[in-house]
Amino acid sequence: MAVNIPTGDNARKGAGKKRSQTKTKIGGATGWTKRSKTSGEFMAVKNSATKKKASKKFKGFRVEKKAKEARSR
């Protein structure tokens, strides 16, 4: 039986298609940064509570691949 999605509950259903996330280093600790795909603007940062633990990713956003560094001869 199908269930209708409730409206007005501020919950995202499915993937965030216009956004991506990348792993960054902030103050010595690693965190995840959410970024808008259209404007390239950084929107939010998810840090861990302590520097020893790694932070968790944002749910439902694609992870950006790091560009390979050019090898110098």
Protein backbone atom coordinates (compact mmCIF):
# COMPACT_ATOMS: atom_id res chain seq x y z
CA MET A 1 0.00 0.00 0.00
CA ALA A 2 1.36 3.42 -0.93
CA VAL A 3 1.94 6.10 1.67
CA ASN A 4 1.56 9.76 0.81
CA ILE A 5 4.42 12.01 1.89
CA PRO A 6 3.32 14.43 4.62
CA THR A 7 3.64 18.06 3.58
CA GLY A 8 5.12 20.76 5.79
CA ASP A 9 7.28 18.49 7.97
CA ASN A 10 10.58 20.05 6.72
CA ALA A 11 12.01 16.61 5.92
CA ARG A 12 13.99 15.95 2.76
CA LYS A 13 12.88 12.94 0.77
CA GLY A 14 15.59 11.58 -1.53
CA ALA A 15 18.95 13.02 -2.53
CA GLY A 16 19.99 16.69 -2.48
CA LYS A 17 20.69 17.00 -6.20
CA LYS A 18 21.92 20.60 -6.29
CA ARG A 19 24.51 20.18 -3.55
CA SER A 20 27.68 18.25 -2.84
CA GLN A 21 30.08 17.71 0.05
CA THR A 22 33.82 17.60 0.43
CA LYS A 23 36.17 16.64 3.25
CA THR A 24 38.08 19.62 4.67
CA LYS A 25 40.54 20.31 7.45
CA ILE A 26 39.47 23.00 9.90
CA GLY A 27 41.74 23.91 12.78
CA GLY A 28 43.56 20.57 12.66
CA ALA A 29 40.36 18.50 12.73
CA THR A 30 38.71 17.04 9.66
CA GLY A 31 35.15 17.95 8.85
CA TRP A 32 32.62 17.79 6.01
CA THR A 33 31.59 20.94 4.13
CA LYS A 34 28.35 21.16 2.18
CA ARG A 35 28.52 23.21 -1.03
CA SER A 36 25.97 24.58 -3.50
CA LYS A 37 26.45 23.18 -7.00
CA THR A 38 25.07 26.24 -8.80
CA SER A 39 26.88 29.09 -7.02
CA GLY A 40 29.82 27.19 -5.47
CA GLU A 41 29.01 28.78 -2.11
CA PHE A 42 29.89 26.88 1.08
CA MET A 43 26.68 26.35 3.01
CA ALA A 44 27.38 24.38 6.18
CA VAL A 45 30.21 22.62 8.01
CA LYS A 46 29.89 19.48 10.10
CA ASN A 47 32.67 19.18 12.71
CA SER A 48 33.20 16.50 15.30
CA ALA A 49 32.77 17.28 18.97
CA THR A 50 36.38 16.32 19.65
CA LYS A 51 39.44 16.53 17.43
CA LYS A 52 40.20 12.84 17.95
CA LYS A 53 36.95 11.58 16.38
CA ALA A 54 36.14 12.02 12.71
CA SER A 55 32.94 13.83 11.86
CA LYS A 56 30.10 12.12 10.01
CA LYS A 57 29.08 12.97 6.46
CA PHE A 58 25.93 14.82 5.46
CA LYS A 59 23.20 12.38 4.42
CA GLY A 60 22.05 12.29 0.82
CA PHE A 61 24.70 14.52 -0.78
CA ARG A 62 27.24 13.42 -3.35
CA VAL A 63 30.93 13.45 -2.36
CA GLU A 64 33.20 15.54 -4.57
CA LYS A 65 36.22 13.78 -5.98
CA LYS A 66 39.57 15.44 -5.40
CA ALA A 67 41.42 16.41 -8.58
CA LYS A 68 44.64 14.53 -9.08
CA GLU A 69 47.62 16.76 -8.49
CA ALA A 70 49.72 17.47 -11.55
CA ARG A 71 52.99 15.61 -11.42
CA SER A 72 56.00 17.82 -11.93
CA ARG A 73 59.01 16.41 -13.76
